[in-house]
C-alpha atoms as a PDB file:
ATOM      1  CA  UNK A   1      90.547  63.469 117.635  1.00  0.00           C
ATOM      2  CA  UNK A   2      87.211  63.772 119.296  1.00  0.00           C
ATOM      3  CA  UNK A   3      84.356  64.730 117.703  1.00  0.00           C
ATOM      4  CA  UNK A   4      84.317  68.091 118.277  1.00  0.00           C
ATOM      5  CA  UNK A   5      88.122  68.708 116.730  1.00  0.00           C
ATOM      6  CA  UNK A   6      86.086  66.689 113.683  1.00  0.00           C
ATOM      7  CA  UNK A   7      83.323  69.208 113.388  1.00  0.00           C
ATOM      8  CA  UNK A   8      85.564  72.106 114.167  1.00  0.00           C
ATOM      9  CA  UNK A   9      87.300  71.013 111.036  1.00  0.00           C
ATOM     10  CA  UNK A  10      84.639  70.434 108.702  1.00  0.00           C
ATOM     11  CA  UNK A  11      82.759  73.327 109.548  1.00  0.00           C
ATOM     12  CA  UNK A  12      86.362  75.813 109.104  1.00  0.00           C
ATOM     13  CA  UNK A  13      86.695  73.533 105.573  1.00  0.00           C
ATOM     14  CA  UNK A  14      83.345  74.542 104.663  1.00  0.00           C
ATOM     15  CA  UNK A  15      83.333  78.271 105.549  1.00  0.00           C
ATOM     16  CA  UNK A  16      87.284  78.056 103.035  1.00  0.00           C
ATOM     17  CA  UNK A  17      85.066  76.579 100.563  1.00  0.00           C
ATOM     18  CA  UNK A  18      82.375  79.087 100.590  1.00  0.00           C
ATOM     19  CA  UNK A  19      84.430  82.048 100.722  1.00  0.00           C
ATOM     20  CA  UNK A  20      86.645  80.888  97.698  1.00  0.00           C
ATOM     21  CA  UNK A  21      82.870  80.371  95.817  1.00  0.00           C
ATOM     22  CA  UNK A  22      81.968  83.888  96.759  1.00  0.00           C
ATOM     23  CA  UNK A  23      85.492  85.151  95.527  1.00  0.00           C
ATOM     24  CA  UNK A  24      84.944  83.458  92.071  1.00  0.00           C
ATOM     25  CA  UNK A  25      81.211  84.772  92.027  1.00  0.00           C
ATOM     26  CA  UNK A  26      82.471  88.354  92.965  1.00  0.00           C
ATOM     27  CA  UNK A  27      85.249  87.784  90.257  1.00  0.00           C
ATOM     28  CA  UNK A  28      82.710  87.233  87.750  1.00  0.00           C
ATOM     29  CA  UNK A  29      80.120  90.575  89.121  1.00  0.00           C
ATOM     30  CA  UNK A  30      83.702  92.311  88.110  1.00  0.00           C
ATOM     31  CA  UNK A  31      84.172  91.519  85.059  1.00  0.00           C
ATOM     32  CA  UNK A  32      80.956  91.226  83.672  1.00  0.00           C
ATOM     33  CA  UNK A  33      79.201  94.241  86.002  1.00  0.00           C
ATOM     34  CA  UNK A  34      77.031  96.577  83.731  1.00  0.00           C
ATOM     35  CA  UNK A  35      77.378  99.908  85.873  1.00  0.00           C
ATOM     36  CA  UNK A  36      80.887 100.830  87.621  1.00  0.00           C
ATOM     37  CA  UNK A  37      78.979 100.905  90.648  1.00  0.00           C
ATOM     38  CA  UNK A  38      78.373  97.237  90.306  1.00  0.00           C
ATOM     39  CA  UNK A  39      82.043  96.778  90.073  1.00  0.00           C
ATOM     40  CA  UNK A  40      82.956  98.762  92.947  1.00  0.00           C
ATOM     41  CA  UNK A  41      80.579  96.871  95.250  1.00  0.00           C
ATOM     42  CA  UNK A  42      82.299  93.675  93.946  1.00  0.00           C
ATOM     43  CA  UNK A  43      85.966  94.741  94.898  1.00  0.00           C
ATOM     44  CA  UNK A  44      84.513  96.064  98.552  1.00  0.00           C
ATOM     45  CA  UNK A  45      82.809  92.548  99.017  1.00  0.00           C
ATOM     46  CA  UNK A  46      86.073  91.052  97.777  1.00  0.00           C
ATOM     47  CA  UNK A  47      87.640  93.065 100.638  1.00  0.00           C
ATOM     48  CA  UNK A  48      85.710  91.685 102.824  1.00  0.00           C
ATOM     49  CA  UNK A  49      86.037  88.190 102.082  1.00  0.00           C
ATOM     50  CA  UNK A  50      89.814  88.473 101.757  1.00  0.00           C
ATOM     51  CA  UNK A  51      89.197  89.383 105.619  1.00  0.00           C
ATOM     52  CA  UNK A  52      86.997  86.262 106.166  1.00  0.00           C
ATOM     53  CA  UNK A  53      89.723  84.139 104.633  1.00  0.00           C
ATOM     54  CA  UNK A  54      92.408  84.950 106.654  1.00  0.00           C
ATOM     55  CA  UNK A  55      89.822  84.636 110.026  1.00  0.00           C
ATOM     56  CA  UNK A  56      89.262  81.143 108.742  1.00  0.00           C
ATOM     57  CA  UNK A  57      93.266  80.975 107.964  1.00  0.00           C
ATOM     58  CA  UNK A  58      94.004  82.210 111.685  1.00  0.00           C
ATOM     59  CA  UNK A  59      90.869  80.004 112.887  1.00  0.00           C
ATOM     60  CA  UNK A  60      92.484  76.673 111.108  1.00  0.00           C
ATOM     61  CA  UNK A  61      96.332  77.441 112.597  1.00  0.00           C
ATOM     62  CA  UNK A  62      95.182  78.709 116.242  1.00  0.00           C
ATOM     63  CA  UNK A  63      97.786  81.832 115.717  1.00  0.00           C
ATOM     64  CA  UNK A  64      96.297  85.273 116.297  1.00  0.00           C
ATOM     65  CA  UNK A  65      99.115  86.737 114.078  1.00  0.00           C
ATOM     66  CA  UNK A  66      96.774  87.838 111.072  1.00  0.00           C
ATOM     67  CA  UNK A  67      94.656  89.937 113.352  1.00  0.00           C
ATOM     68  CA  UNK A  68      96.597  93.029 112.698  1.00  0.00           C
ATOM     69  CA  UNK A  69      96.351  92.250 109.190  1.00  0.00           C
ATOM     70  CA  UNK A  70      92.831  92.071 109.073  1.00  0.00           C
ATOM     71  CA  UNK A  71      92.355  95.667 110.452  1.00  0.00           C
ATOM     72  CA  UNK A  72      94.428  97.413 108.431  1.00  0.00           C
ATOM     73  CA  UNK A  73      92.857  95.437 105.518  1.00  0.00           C
ATOM     74  CA  UNK A  74      89.054  96.811 106.941  1.00  0.00           C
ATOM     75  CA  UNK A  75      90.500 100.407 106.819  1.00  0.00           C
ATOM     76  CA  UNK A  76      91.721  99.878 103.247  1.00  0.00           C
ATOM     77  CA  UNK A  77      88.594  98.391 102.160  1.00  0.00           C
ATOM     78  CA  UNK A  78      86.117 100.748 103.759  1.00  0.00           C
ATOM     79  CA  UNK A  79      88.600 104.294 102.445  1.00  0.00           C
ATOM     80  CA  UNK A  80      88.324 102.784  99.343  1.00  0.00           C
ATOM     81  CA  UNK A  81      84.905 102.383  99.248  1.00  0.00           C
ATOM     82  CA  UNK A  82      84.742 105.865 100.344  1.00  0.00           C
ATOM     83  CA  UNK A  83      86.777 107.149  97.792  1.00  0.00           C
ATOM     84  CA  UNK A  84      85.040 105.421  95.070  1.00  0.00           C
ATOM     85  CA  UNK A  85      81.516 106.875  96.358  1.00  0.00           C
ATOM     86  CA  UNK A  86      82.806 110.120  96.253  1.00  0.00           C
ATOM     87  CA  UNK A  87      84.676 109.640  92.891  1.00  0.00           C
ATOM     88  CA  UNK A  88      80.581 108.418  91.237  1.00  0.00           C
ATOM     89  CA  UNK A  89      78.807 111.095  93.021  1.00  0.00           C
ATOM     90  CA  UNK A  90      80.984 113.996  91.127  1.00  0.00           C
ATOM     91  CA  UNK A  91      80.949 112.041  88.293  1.00  0.00           C
ATOM     92  CA  UNK A  92      77.118 111.619  88.029  1.00  0.00           C
ATOM     93  CA  UNK A  93      76.016 114.716  89.910  1.00  0.00           C
ATOM     94  CA  UNK A  94      72.896 115.893  88.031  1.00  0.00           C
ATOM     95  CA  UNK A  95      73.139 119.104  86.336  1.00  0.00           C
ATOM     96  CA  UNK A  96      71.116 122.023  87.351  1.00  0.00           C
ATOM     97  CA  UNK A  97      69.439 123.757  84.601  1.00  0.00           C
ATOM     98  CA  UNK A  98      69.090 127.694  85.898  1.00  0.00           C
ATOM     99  CA  UNK A  99      65.120 128.381  84.799  1.00  0.00           C
ATOM    100  CA  UNK A 100      64.309 131.491  82.470  1.00  0.00           C
ATOM    101  CA  UNK A 101      62.570 134.187  84.144  1.00  0.00           C
ATOM    102  CA  UNK A 102      58.805 134.480  83.326  1.00  0.00           C
ATOM    103  CA  UNK A 103      57.798 136.440  80.170  1.00  0.00           C
ATOM    104  CA  UNK A 104      56.333 139.517  81.209  1.00  0.00           C
ATOM    105  CA  UNK A 105      52.720 140.132  80.528  1.00  0.00           C
ATOM    106  CA  UNK A 106      51.537 142.669  77.642  1.00  0.00           C
ATOM    107  CA  UNK A 107      49.229 145.338  78.306  1.00  0.00           C
ATOM    108  CA  UNK A 108      46.932 143.288  75.855  1.00  0.00           C
ATOM    109  CA  UNK A 109      46.742 140.407  77.694  1.00  0.00           C
ATOM    110  CA  UNK A 110      44.093 139.113  80.557  1.00  0.00           C
ATOM    111  CA  UNK A 111      44.577 136.022  82.666  1.00  0.00           C
ATOM    112  CA  UNK A 112      42.330 134.594  79.670  1.00  0.00           C
ATOM    113  CA  UNK A 113      44.926 134.876  77.373  1.00  0.00           C
ATOM    114  CA  UNK A 114      45.567 137.621  74.498  1.00  0.00           C
ATOM    115  CA  UNK A 115      42.879 139.932  73.333  1.00  0.00           C
END
């Protein structure tokens, strides 16, 4: 085995380990996330990590079989993120208060106040 192949295997192994560590940290964020938005972002990043893991597996096996699967997962992750963002936007929409009409000044009032 040449030095180039050995460096290649070390880098791919490091990439897989980093993807796994990031996945574990994201699971912690999903479990403890203080808001729904934190959980939604974590799920989106997990979809990206799954795609990265499939890319690493494809690189290790020297097999392009997983590329269409990665494209479909990227599309599903994007549409899922947009759907969650729209749901949160509708749920957190601010309530618009209708202003009350200004009081009509009477004949006994001036700019300084009532007489």
